[in-house]
Protein backbone atom coordinates (compact mmCIF):
# COMPACT_ATOMS: atom_id res chain seq x y z
CA UNK A 1 122.30 98.49 121.59
CA UNK A 2 123.56 99.22 118.07
CA UNK A 3 120.32 99.98 116.22
CA UNK A 4 121.90 99.14 112.86
CA UNK A 5 122.03 95.52 113.97
CA UNK A 6 118.44 95.49 115.21
CA UNK A 7 116.99 93.16 112.51
CA UNK A 8 119.68 90.54 113.12
CA UNK A 9 119.32 90.89 116.87
CA UNK A 10 115.56 90.51 116.59
CA UNK A 11 115.85 87.43 114.36
CA UNK A 12 118.23 85.76 116.80
CA UNK A 13 115.82 86.38 119.67
CA UNK A 14 112.91 85.11 117.58
CA UNK A 15 114.66 81.85 116.79
CA UNK A 16 115.70 81.32 120.40
CA UNK A 17 112.14 82.00 121.51
CA UNK A 18 110.73 79.54 119.00
CA UNK A 19 113.20 76.80 119.85
CA UNK A 20 112.54 77.01 123.57
CA UNK A 21 108.78 77.43 123.41
CA UNK A 22 108.01 74.96 120.65
CA UNK A 23 107.78 71.85 122.91
CA UNK A 24 105.10 73.59 125.02
CA UNK A 25 102.64 73.58 122.13
CA UNK A 26 100.93 70.46 120.86
CA UNK A 27 99.88 72.46 117.79
CA UNK A 28 102.80 74.82 117.07
CA UNK A 29 101.00 76.38 114.12
CA UNK A 30 98.54 77.85 116.64
CA UNK A 31 101.47 79.62 118.28
CA UNK A 32 102.92 81.42 115.27
CA UNK A 33 101.15 80.59 112.04
CA UNK A 34 97.66 81.83 112.75
CA UNK A 35 97.86 83.97 109.61
CA UNK A 36 98.72 81.62 106.78
CA UNK A 37 100.87 83.49 104.26
CA UNK A 38 99.35 84.06 100.85
CA UNK A 39 102.84 84.10 99.32
CA UNK A 40 105.09 81.20 100.30
CA UNK A 41 107.05 78.67 98.27
CA UNK A 42 106.11 75.13 99.30
CA UNK A 43 108.17 72.79 97.17
CA UNK A 44 108.93 69.09 96.78
CA UNK A 45 111.73 67.39 94.88
CA UNK A 46 110.29 64.62 92.68
CA UNK A 47 113.13 62.26 91.76
CA UNK A 48 113.10 60.17 88.59
CA UNK A 49 116.61 58.74 89.08
CA UNK A 50 116.11 54.95 89.20
CA UNK A 51 112.39 55.68 89.71
CA UNK A 52 113.09 56.61 93.33
CA UNK A 53 109.92 58.73 93.53
CA UNK A 54 108.45 58.09 90.11
CA UNK A 55 107.80 56.06 87.99
CA UNK A 56 107.20 52.84 89.87
CA UNK A 57 106.25 50.88 86.76
CA UNK A 58 107.59 50.70 83.20
CA UNK A 59 105.97 52.12 80.07
CA UNK A 60 106.26 49.01 77.90
CA UNK A 61 102.71 49.05 76.55
CA UNK A 62 99.67 51.29 76.28
CA UNK A 63 98.46 50.06 79.66
CA UNK A 64 101.94 50.65 81.12
CA UNK A 65 101.88 54.24 79.86
CA UNK A 66 98.46 54.82 81.43
CA UNK A 67 99.56 53.27 84.71
CA UNK A 68 102.68 55.46 84.74
CA UNK A 69 100.55 58.54 84.13
CA UNK A 70 98.09 57.52 86.83
CA UNK A 71 100.95 57.12 89.32
CA UNK A 72 102.07 60.67 88.62
CA UNK A 73 98.60 62.20 88.85
CA UNK A 74 98.03 60.37 92.16
CA UNK A 75 101.27 61.88 93.50
CA UNK A 76 100.26 65.36 92.35
CA UNK A 77 96.79 64.96 93.85
CA UNK A 78 98.41 64.03 97.16
CA UNK A 79 100.68 67.08 97.03
CA UNK A 80 97.78 69.35 96.12
CA UNK A 81 95.84 68.19 99.16
CA UNK A 82 98.52 69.73 101.42
CA UNK A 83 98.84 72.80 99.18
CA UNK A 84 102.29 72.19 97.75
CA UNK A 85 102.69 74.82 95.02
CA UNK A 86 106.04 73.94 93.41
CA UNK A 87 107.25 70.62 91.99
CA UNK A 88 110.95 70.23 91.20
CA UNK A 89 110.64 67.53 88.54
CA UNK A 90 113.86 65.73 87.63
CA UNK A 91 114.08 66.13 83.85
CA UNK A 92 117.80 65.50 83.35
CA UNK A 93 119.36 62.71 85.37
CA UNK A 94 122.94 61.65 84.51
CA UNK A 95 123.48 62.63 80.89
CA UNK A 96 120.03 61.19 80.17
CA UNK A 97 116.60 62.80 80.13
CA UNK A 98 112.89 62.04 80.55
CA UNK A 99 111.66 63.98 77.53
CA UNK A 100 112.26 63.59 73.77
CA UNK A 101 115.56 65.48 73.43
CA UNK A 102 117.62 66.19 70.35
CA UNK A 103 120.70 66.42 72.61
CA UNK A 104 120.67 63.50 75.08
CA UNK A 105 119.16 59.99 75.15
CA UNK A 106 116.16 58.72 77.09
CA UNK A 107 116.82 57.54 80.63
CA UNK A 108 116.04 53.93 81.49
CA UNK A 109 113.78 54.83 84.43
CA UNK A 110 110.75 55.05 82.11
CA UNK A 111 111.06 51.76 80.25
CA UNK A 112 113.87 49.83 81.90
CA UNK A 113 115.87 50.13 78.66
CA UNK A 114 118.41 52.96 78.17
CA UNK A 115 117.56 55.09 75.15
CA UNK A 116 114.09 53.62 74.66
CA UNK A 117 111.22 55.98 73.91
CA UNK A 118 108.37 55.40 76.40
CA UNK A 119 105.73 56.33 73.83
CA UNK A 120 104.74 59.66 75.34
CA UNK A 121 106.35 62.84 76.68
CA UNK A 122 106.56 62.60 80.49
CA UNK A 123 107.77 66.19 80.94
CA UNK A 124 104.90 67.62 78.88
CA UNK A 125 102.45 65.45 80.80
CA UNK A 126 103.87 66.54 84.17
CA UNK A 127 103.68 70.22 83.19
CA UNK A 128 100.07 69.92 82.06
CA UNK A 129 99.02 68.11 85.23
CA UNK A 130 100.84 70.52 87.55
CA UNK A 131 99.31 73.55 85.84
CA UNK A 132 95.87 71.95 85.99
CA UNK A 133 96.28 71.94 89.77
CA UNK A 134 97.58 75.51 89.98
CA UNK A 135 101.13 74.28 90.77
CA UNK A 136 104.36 75.59 89.32
CA UNK A 137 106.83 73.07 87.95
CA UNK A 138 110.54 73.53 87.45
CA UNK A 139 112.68 71.25 85.30
CA UNK A 140 115.29 69.82 87.67
CA UNK A 141 118.56 69.50 85.72
CA UNK A 142 121.47 67.64 87.29
CA UNK A 143 124.27 69.72 85.80
CA UNK A 144 127.73 68.19 86.34
CA UNK A 145 127.62 64.40 87.13
CA UNK A 146 127.23 61.87 84.30
CA UNK A 147 127.21 58.64 86.31
CA UNK A 148 129.60 55.75 85.81
CA UNK A 149 132.29 56.17 83.15
CA UNK A 150 130.60 53.56 80.97
CA UNK A 151 127.02 54.48 81.82
CA UNK A 152 124.74 55.27 78.86
CA UNK A 153 124.67 59.01 79.49
CA UNK A 154 128.40 59.38 80.00
CA UNK A 155 129.28 57.22 76.97
CA UNK A 156 126.87 59.14 74.77
CA UNK A 157 128.35 62.48 75.74
CA UNK A 158 131.94 61.25 75.47
CA UNK A 159 131.27 60.10 71.93
CA UNK A 160 129.82 63.47 70.93
CA UNK A 161 131.87 65.91 73.02
CA UNK A 162 135.07 64.28 74.23
CA UNK A 163 136.60 67.59 75.29
CA UNK A 164 134.10 68.44 78.03
CA UNK A 165 134.01 65.11 79.92
CA UNK A 166 136.47 64.28 82.71
CA UNK A 167 136.93 61.13 84.74
CA UNK A 168 137.18 61.15 88.52
CA UNK A 169 137.18 58.01 90.68
CA UNK A 170 135.48 55.97 87.97
CA UNK A 171 132.71 58.50 87.41
CA UNK A 172 132.15 60.88 84.52
CA UNK A 173 131.64 64.61 84.97
CA UNK A 174 131.20 67.59 82.73
CA UNK A 175 134.36 69.66 83.10
CA UNK A 176 133.38 73.07 84.57
CA UNK A 177 136.71 74.59 83.49
CA UNK A 178 135.76 74.40 79.80
CA UNK A 179 133.72 77.29 78.35
CA UNK A 180 132.10 74.74 76.04
CA UNK A 181 130.69 72.98 79.11
CA UNK A 182 128.69 76.05 80.08
CA UNK A 183 127.35 76.28 76.54
CA UNK A 184 126.42 72.59 76.54
CA UNK A 185 124.48 72.77 79.81
CA UNK A 186 122.83 75.99 78.67
CA UNK A 187 121.85 74.26 75.42
CA UNK A 188 120.00 71.58 77.37
CA UNK A 189 118.23 74.18 79.49
CA UNK A 190 117.39 76.22 76.39
CA UNK A 191 115.88 73.15 74.74
CA UNK A 192 113.54 72.73 77.70
CA UNK A 193 112.75 76.45 77.96
CA UNK A 194 111.92 76.82 74.27
CA UNK A 195 109.83 73.66 73.90
CA UNK A 196 107.91 73.50 77.16
CA UNK A 197 105.58 75.71 79.19
CA UNK A 198 107.87 75.22 82.17
CA UNK A 199 107.95 77.66 85.11
CA UNK A 200 111.63 77.37 85.86
CA UNK A 201 114.98 75.64 85.41
CA UNK A 202 116.37 74.13 88.61
CA UNK A 203 120.13 73.43 88.48
CA UNK A 204 121.30 70.71 90.84
CA UNK A 205 124.83 69.51 91.55
CA UNK A 206 126.11 72.75 90.06
CA UNK A 207 129.50 72.25 91.71
CA UNK A 208 132.77 70.39 91.45
CA UNK A 209 132.94 66.89 92.97
CA UNK A 210 133.79 67.58 96.59
CA UNK A 211 136.51 64.90 96.51
CA UNK A 212 138.33 66.50 93.57
CA UNK A 213 141.61 67.99 94.73
CA UNK A 214 144.17 70.20 93.04
CA UNK A 215 141.68 72.74 91.73
CA UNK A 216 142.24 76.38 92.63
CA UNK A 217 139.20 77.42 94.65
CA UNK A 218 138.90 80.93 93.23
CA UNK A 219 139.16 79.67 89.66
CA UNK A 220 136.74 76.84 90.38
CA UNK A 221 134.14 79.28 91.73
CA UNK A 222 134.52 81.44 88.63
CA UNK A 223 133.98 78.36 86.42
CA UNK A 224 130.78 77.39 88.23
CA UNK A 225 129.56 80.99 88.18
CA UNK A 226 130.17 81.09 84.42
CA UNK A 227 127.84 78.11 83.95
CA UNK A 228 125.10 79.75 86.02
CA UNK A 229 125.49 83.01 84.10
CA UNK A 230 125.42 81.42 80.65
CA UNK A 231 122.35 79.33 81.53
CA UNK A 232 120.62 82.43 82.88
CA UNK A 233 121.36 84.50 79.78
CA UNK A 234 120.17 81.77 77.42
CA UNK A 235 116.90 80.86 79.12
CA UNK A 236 115.93 84.44 80.04
CA UNK A 237 116.36 85.41 76.37
CA UNK A 238 113.73 82.79 75.53
CA UNK A 239 111.31 83.47 78.40
CA UNK A 240 112.17 86.44 80.64
CA UNK A 241 109.70 85.28 83.30
CA UNK A 242 111.20 81.82 83.64
CA UNK A 243 112.78 81.26 87.06
CA UNK A 244 116.36 80.10 87.40
CA UNK A 245 116.99 78.33 90.70
CA UNK A 246 119.91 76.34 92.08
CA UNK A 247 120.16 73.65 94.73
CA UNK A 248 123.28 74.46 96.76
CA UNK A 249 125.10 73.07 99.77
CA UNK A 250 123.06 73.92 102.84
CA UNK A 251 125.60 76.13 104.64
CA UNK A 252 126.72 79.31 102.90
CA UNK A 253 130.04 79.56 104.74
CA UNK A 254 131.56 79.18 108.19
CA UNK A 255 129.99 81.48 110.77
CA UNK A 256 131.78 83.51 113.41
CA UNK A 257 130.61 81.18 116.20
CA UNK A 258 129.54 78.06 114.33
CA UNK A 259 131.69 76.02 111.97
CA UNK A 260 130.40 74.08 109.00
CA UNK A 261 133.06 71.40 109.53
CA UNK A 262 134.31 71.82 105.99
CA UNK A 263 130.92 71.35 104.33
CA UNK A 264 129.73 74.65 102.93
CA UNK A 265 128.84 76.10 99.56
CA UNK A 266 131.74 78.54 99.28
CA UNK A 267 134.63 76.15 99.98
CA UNK A 268 133.52 72.53 99.55
CA UNK A 269 131.17 73.20 96.64
CA UNK A 270 133.08 76.09 95.05
CA UNK A 271 129.68 77.80 94.79
CA UNK A 272 130.06 81.56 95.01
CA UNK A 273 126.41 81.99 95.92
CA UNK A 274 126.94 85.50 97.24
CA UNK A 275 128.01 86.63 93.77
CA UNK A 276 125.08 84.82 92.19
CA UNK A 277 122.64 86.63 94.44
CA UNK A 278 124.33 90.01 94.35
CA UNK A 279 124.48 90.02 90.54
CA UNK A 280 120.92 88.71 90.16
CA UNK A 281 122.04 85.55 88.34
CA UNK A 282 119.43 83.42 90.15
CA UNK A 283 115.83 83.98 91.17
CA UNK A 284 115.81 81.34 93.91
CA UNK A 285 118.29 79.32 95.94
CA UNK A 286 117.40 76.00 97.54
CA UNK A 287 120.11 75.32 100.17
CA UNK A 288 120.02 71.62 101.04
CA UNK A 289 119.81 71.98 104.81
CA UNK A 290 119.60 68.35 105.84
CA UNK A 291 120.88 69.04 109.36
CA UNK A 292 119.45 69.89 112.76
CA UNK A 293 120.27 71.77 115.93
CA UNK A 294 123.20 74.19 115.74
CA UNK A 295 124.00 72.90 112.25
CA UNK A 296 120.61 74.11 111.01
CA UNK A 297 119.25 77.22 112.77
CA UNK A 298 122.32 79.50 112.76
CA UNK A 299 122.90 78.72 109.08
CA UNK A 300 119.23 79.28 108.27
CA UNK A 301 119.46 82.73 109.82
CA UNK A 302 122.70 83.38 107.93
CA UNK A 303 120.95 82.69 104.62
CA UNK A 304 118.15 85.05 105.57
CA UNK A 305 120.48 87.85 106.61
CA UNK A 306 122.59 87.54 103.46
CA UNK A 307 119.96 86.94 100.78
CA UNK A 308 120.54 90.09 98.65
CA UNK A 309 116.78 90.11 97.99
CA UNK A 310 117.01 86.66 96.41
CA UNK A 311 114.35 84.17 97.49
CA UNK A 312 115.86 81.49 99.72
CA UNK A 313 113.87 78.27 100.18
CA UNK A 314 115.51 75.93 102.72
CA UNK A 315 115.53 72.30 101.69
CA UNK A 316 114.39 70.11 104.59
CA UNK A 317 115.61 66.52 104.84
CA UNK A 318 112.41 64.60 105.51
CA UNK A 319 114.33 61.48 104.41
CA UNK A 320 116.06 61.74 107.80
CA UNK A 321 112.79 60.59 109.40
CA UNK A 322 113.40 57.15 107.92
CA UNK A 323 114.74 54.55 110.38
CA UNK A 324 117.26 53.66 107.65
CA UNK A 325 118.62 57.22 107.65
CA UNK A 326 118.65 59.53 110.67
CA UNK A 327 115.49 58.29 112.42
CA UNK A 328 114.70 61.86 113.43
CA UNK A 329 111.55 62.60 115.42
CA UNK A 330 108.88 64.30 113.34
CA UNK A 331 108.98 67.30 115.68
CA UNK A 332 112.39 68.17 114.25
CA UNK A 333 110.99 68.84 110.77
CA UNK A 334 107.90 70.54 112.19
CA UNK A 335 110.13 72.91 114.15
CA UNK A 336 112.22 73.66 111.07
CA UNK A 337 109.11 74.43 109.02
CA UNK A 338 107.81 76.69 111.76
CA UNK A 339 111.02 78.70 112.07
CA UNK A 340 111.44 78.92 108.30
CA UNK A 341 107.94 80.34 107.94
CA UNK A 342 108.60 82.82 110.74
CA UNK A 343 111.48 84.17 108.64
CA UNK A 344 109.34 84.31 105.49
CA UNK A 345 111.39 81.64 103.70
CA UNK A 346 108.99 78.82 102.81
CA UNK A 347 110.33 75.27 102.52
CA UNK A 348 111.24 72.46 100.12
CA UNK A 349 111.00 68.79 101.05
CA UNK A 350 113.51 66.15 99.98
CA UNK A 351 112.03 64.00 98.71
CA UNK A 352 108.47 63.12 97.62
CA UNK A 353 108.41 59.40 98.37
CA UNK A 354 109.51 59.94 101.96
CA UNK A 355 106.47 62.15 102.40
CA UNK A 356 104.39 59.11 101.46
CA UNK A 357 106.34 56.50 103.42
CA UNK A 358 108.19 57.81 106.47
CA UNK A 359 106.93 61.39 106.78
CA UNK A 360 103.22 60.71 107.08
CA UNK A 361 103.05 62.62 110.37
CA UNK A 362 104.56 65.57 108.49
CA UNK A 363 101.89 65.18 105.82
CA UNK A 364 99.21 65.37 108.52
CA UNK A 365 100.97 68.34 110.12
CA UNK A 366 100.97 70.15 106.76
CA UNK A 367 97.18 69.89 106.51
CA UNK A 368 96.98 72.16 109.54
CA UNK A 369 100.15 74.14 108.91
CA UNK A 370 99.17 75.05 105.33
CA UNK A 371 95.40 74.58 105.12
CA UNK A 372 94.99 77.09 102.26
CA UNK A 373 96.69 77.48 98.88
CA UNK A 374 99.51 79.97 98.45
CA UNK A 375 101.28 81.65 95.57
CA UNK A 376 105.01 81.49 95.00
CA UNK A 377 106.52 84.96 95.66
CA UNK A 378 106.88 86.96 92.44
CA UNK A 379 110.16 86.49 90.61
CA UNK A 380 110.08 90.07 89.34
CA UNK A 381 109.84 92.75 91.99
CA UNK A 382 109.15 95.86 89.93
CA UNK A 383 105.93 97.84 90.25
CA UNK A 384 104.50 97.12 86.81
CA UNK A 385 100.71 97.26 86.97
CA UNK A 386 98.91 94.12 85.83
CA UNK A 387 95.60 94.65 84.07
CA UNK A 388 92.67 93.43 86.14
CA UNK A 389 89.62 91.77 84.55
CA UNK A 390 87.27 94.43 83.17
CA UNK A 391 84.12 92.88 84.60
CA UNK A 392 82.98 89.68 86.24
CA UNK A 393 79.57 88.11 86.26
CA UNK A 394 78.15 85.69 88.80
CA UNK A 395 75.09 83.57 88.12
CA UNK A 396 73.62 81.37 90.81
CA UNK A 397 71.99 78.12 89.74
CA UNK A 398 70.77 76.00 92.61
CA UNK A 399 73.73 75.42 94.93
CA UNK A 400 76.22 76.53 92.27
CA UNK A 401 77.64 79.85 91.22
CA UNK A 402 79.01 80.21 87.69
CA UNK A 403 81.66 82.95 87.59
CA UNK A 404 82.75 84.44 84.27
CA UNK A 405 85.00 87.39 83.48
CA UNK A 406 86.28 89.39 80.52
CA UNK A 407 89.78 90.26 79.32
CA UNK A 408 91.11 86.79 80.16
CA UNK A 409 92.96 86.36 76.86
CA UNK A 410 95.68 88.99 77.33
CA UNK A 411 99.06 87.48 76.61
CA UNK A 412 100.50 85.51 79.52
CA UNK A 413 97.76 86.30 82.01
CA UNK A 414 95.92 83.75 84.11
CA UNK A 415 93.29 84.39 86.73
CA UNK A 416 92.63 83.75 90.41
CA UNK A 417 89.17 83.50 91.93
CA UNK A 418 88.44 84.45 95.54
CA UNK A 419 85.25 83.87 97.53
CA UNK A 420 84.03 85.12 100.90
CA UNK A 421 80.85 85.70 102.86
CA UNK A 422 81.88 89.32 103.41
CA UNK A 423 81.92 92.09 100.80
CA UNK A 424 84.23 93.26 99.35
CA UNK A 425 86.24 90.05 99.23
CA UNK A 426 89.59 90.37 101.01
CA UNK A 427 92.04 89.04 98.43
CA UNK A 428 94.97 89.37 100.85
CA UNK A 429 93.50 86.58 102.95
CA UNK A 430 94.73 83.18 101.76
CA UNK A 431 91.61 81.57 103.21
CA UNK A 432 89.51 83.27 100.52
CA UNK A 433 91.48 81.86 97.58
CA UNK A 434 89.23 79.40 95.75
CA UNK A 435 91.18 78.52 92.62
CA UNK A 436 94.51 79.71 91.21
CA UNK A 437 95.86 80.43 87.74
CA UNK A 438 92.79 79.57 85.67
CA UNK A 439 93.61 79.64 81.97
CA UNK A 440 90.02 80.06 80.79
CA UNK A 441 87.44 82.68 81.68
CA UNK A 442 84.94 80.79 83.81
CA UNK A 443 84.57 78.44 86.71
CA UNK A 444 81.64 77.02 88.65
CA UNK A 445 81.73 76.42 92.37
CA UNK A 446 79.47 74.79 94.89
CA UNK A 447 79.10 77.44 97.57
CA UNK A 448 76.96 78.50 100.47
CA UNK A 449 74.33 81.19 100.10
CA UNK A 450 75.41 84.82 100.24
CA UNK A 451 78.97 84.23 99.07
CA UNK A 452 80.74 86.95 97.09
CA UNK A 453 83.44 86.63 94.43
CA UNK A 454 86.44 88.59 93.22
CA UNK A 455 88.83 87.85 90.35
CA UNK A 456 92.43 88.96 89.83
CA UNK A 457 94.85 88.52 86.95
CA UNK A 458 98.35 87.11 87.48
CA UNK A 459 101.25 87.16 85.03
CA UNK A 460 104.05 84.63 84.55
CA UNK A 461 106.34 86.60 86.87
CA UNK A 462 103.77 85.99 89.63
CA UNK A 463 102.66 89.63 89.81
CA UNK A 464 98.98 89.97 90.67
CA UNK A 465 96.53 92.69 89.63
CA UNK A 466 94.07 94.55 91.78
CA UNK A 467 90.85 92.63 92.39
CA UNK A 468 87.73 93.09 90.33
CA UNK A 469 84.89 92.63 92.78
CA UNK A 470 81.54 91.13 91.97
CA UNK A 471 78.90 93.75 91.20
CA UNK A 472 76.36 92.87 93.86
CA UNK A 473 73.67 95.01 92.18
CA UNK A 474 74.00 92.95 89.01
CA UNK A 475 74.18 89.63 90.85
CA UNK A 476 72.05 87.11 88.98
CA UNK A 477 70.30 84.51 91.08
CA UNK A 478 68.34 81.79 89.33
CA UNK A 479 67.27 79.60 92.21
CA UNK A 480 63.71 79.88 90.92
CA UNK A 481 64.75 78.23 87.65
CA UNK A 482 65.48 74.54 87.32
CA UNK A 483 69.05 74.05 88.51
CA UNK A 484 71.81 72.28 86.60
CA UNK A 485 71.89 68.71 87.94
CA UNK A 486 74.95 67.42 89.74
CA UNK A 487 75.65 63.68 89.62
CA UNK A 488 78.11 62.02 92.02
CA UNK A 489 79.74 58.90 90.66
CA UNK A 490 82.45 56.66 92.10
CA UNK A 491 85.61 56.71 89.98
CA UNK A 492 85.46 54.14 87.17
CA UNK A 493 81.72 53.55 87.30
CA UNK A 494 79.37 54.19 84.38
CA UNK A 495 76.90 57.09 84.36
CA UNK A 496 73.26 57.02 83.31
CA UNK A 497 72.15 60.33 81.84
CA UNK A 498 69.46 61.80 84.13
CA UNK A 499 65.96 62.73 83.09
CA UNK A 500 64.67 64.79 81.34
CA UNK A 501 67.58 64.63 78.86
CA UNK A 502 66.94 62.65 75.69
CA UNK A 503 68.92 59.48 76.17
CA UNK A 504 68.22 58.08 72.73
CA UNK A 505 69.28 61.06 70.62
CA UNK A 506 72.63 61.54 72.38
CA UNK A 507 75.30 59.58 70.51
CA UNK A 508 78.27 60.82 72.54
CA UNK A 509 79.14 63.10 75.43
CA UNK A 510 81.95 65.62 75.66
CA UNK A 511 83.51 66.00 79.10
CA UNK A 512 85.22 69.28 80.05
CA UNK A 513 87.40 70.09 83.06
CA UNK A 514 87.35 73.09 85.41
CA UNK A 515 88.85 75.52 82.88
CA UNK A 516 86.65 74.36 80.00
CA UNK A 517 89.22 72.15 78.30
CA UNK A 518 87.98 68.96 76.64
CA UNK A 519 89.25 65.93 78.55
CA UNK A 520 87.44 63.25 76.60
CA UNK A 521 84.68 62.19 74.25
CA UNK A 522 82.78 59.10 75.38
CA UNK A 523 80.25 57.09 73.33
CA UNK A 524 76.78 57.13 74.85
CA UNK A 525 74.51 54.14 74.36
CA UNK A 526 70.97 54.42 75.66
CA UNK A 527 72.04 57.26 77.91
CA UNK A 528 74.92 55.28 79.48
CA UNK A 529 78.58 56.33 79.22
CA UNK A 530 81.84 55.42 80.99
CA UNK A 531 83.99 57.51 83.36
CA UNK A 532 87.00 55.19 83.44
CA UNK A 533 90.28 57.12 83.50
CA UNK A 534 88.84 60.40 84.80
CA UNK A 535 90.64 61.65 87.95
CA UNK A 536 88.69 62.78 90.99
CA UNK A 537 87.09 66.20 90.57
CA UNK A 538 84.32 68.15 88.89
CA UNK A 539 83.42 68.11 85.19
CA UNK A 540 80.72 69.42 82.88
CA UNK A 541 79.01 66.97 80.50
CA UNK A 542 77.80 68.08 77.08
CA UNK A 543 75.61 66.08 74.68
CA UNK A 544 76.70 65.59 71.07
CA UNK A 545 74.39 64.23 68.40
CA UNK A 546 74.98 63.11 64.80
CA UNK A 547 74.34 66.64 63.53
CA UNK A 548 77.22 67.93 65.64
CA UNK A 549 74.94 69.93 67.94
CA UNK A 550 76.29 70.26 71.50
CA UNK A 551 74.38 71.17 74.67
CA UNK A 552 75.51 71.34 78.29
CA UNK A 553 73.49 68.86 80.32
CA UNK A 554 74.81 68.42 83.87
CA UNK A 555 77.79 68.53 86.20
CA UNK A 556 79.65 65.36 87.11
CA UNK A 557 81.59 64.81 90.32
CA UNK A 558 84.06 61.90 90.31
CA UNK A 559 84.60 60.72 93.88
CA UNK A 560 86.55 57.94 95.61
CA UNK A 561 84.60 55.25 97.40
CA UNK A 562 84.69 57.33 100.57
CA UNK A 563 84.50 61.11 100.33
CA UNK A 564 83.37 64.14 102.26
CA UNK A 565 81.75 67.30 100.99
CA UNK A 566 83.74 70.49 100.70
CA UNK A 567 81.66 73.63 100.80
CA UNK A 568 84.04 75.52 98.52
CA UNK A 569 84.84 72.93 95.89
CA UNK A 570 85.54 74.30 92.41
CA UNK A 571 83.96 72.42 89.54
CA UNK A 572 83.71 72.68 85.79
CA UNK A 573 81.25 74.97 84.12
């Protein structure tokens, strides 16, 4: 055997082994995925085009805005429950956008009327809600297509920049051959990068129309590469840690023994992905691998063996589970997820609504396949040391532990909290991860007795510090003192302030979330206040009187009508 080919030989054997043994296991995750990876991209495309995934209602009034927001938070809650950590949120559609842009008009998906302002900033709202759940969010930018020739986006761009728009089969496209086109697309991406706390820019349809003939392939690839390079240079100059990712055709090129039947990135898409990876122009690639059998596994392995240290996240076509599409068996996607994880590649699901409608068995599978949170692999692979928290303090109050730490305000750093019943806490074990990317310096958690904590810092590149372990000699336990009350309340119901708090002198309550951010001020009449509009989760309630004096009173847990206790549930302190 040629030992230089050992890794490829081993990978081929691994895939063959998995494919043949998979049907023997009713729970395939028990076969291979006993150790859940702490670092793994688990992504979902969330489509705003025509409201395919979101929004399902129009923002034509204050109540419409709130309903639209509630739809999105419900989607994110659902994704969080299966530990999705990356949302690819469609911010630019077809020459139109879902944020207040100085470059392109509003898309009609939000209001039903092209160009109409919905009355709030959906992209800002999506970013805030993703970060509140520890998720990354990338702005999905459809780069080249503009829709119908007379569609609002295409007409708007033609009126402003006639030289960069071409017509092909009745559709408008940005012309990749024009240097000004690269600058225009980069301008859009720069607008997002400079104005929003986004985690990445995700370029989609970064290719020529596959039906366009008469274009020299080598020149076409250079034109597309120029766009990728200009976008990269512009956004990295604004935020060096911001990821640049591209959705590309799911097969890199023809293989020696397996043909792509003319549908591959290099030829059909004029996407010179090898150059992009080799030159470090992209941080991630999302090949759209909506195939199965010998049109999936050999090409998956090809991506892995030719990744040039770029992170490859295979896009899986869960829409093919629909009876209106491929009517695939759910085992097909499960097998693809299993093999992808075995190669350390993660996965991305296209698209979110199919996970709700036709891929419910996949959703159930994911609860077992990914039962713990995970971080996205770091986008910067140098060995720069990240400063760990100087000290942490743990105070037990009843069934709760309040964890605080110092040095949480260093620029760009967030913090991760781990918990375990063994000391020191093993922070390499994903099962011990309690909460990710906290922006404040404290959390409270309902835990079992004799649990220990550790805190790490994480920067925007995804690099994590060494752990600062709880000082068990300085562990403060206040079970002998009166504990902080916890009140469970069904979402939407009113709350009566418990005794012995002074119900008459409290004019209002301030409600804070898990990271200590104010989420609302509610009037309090005779000790009674409303919880309407608060999502499920834990909060801390503070009293506020006419003199402006504020005191923490109790914890509040908003629950659905039917709920079950979670021993390691983070809550607000």
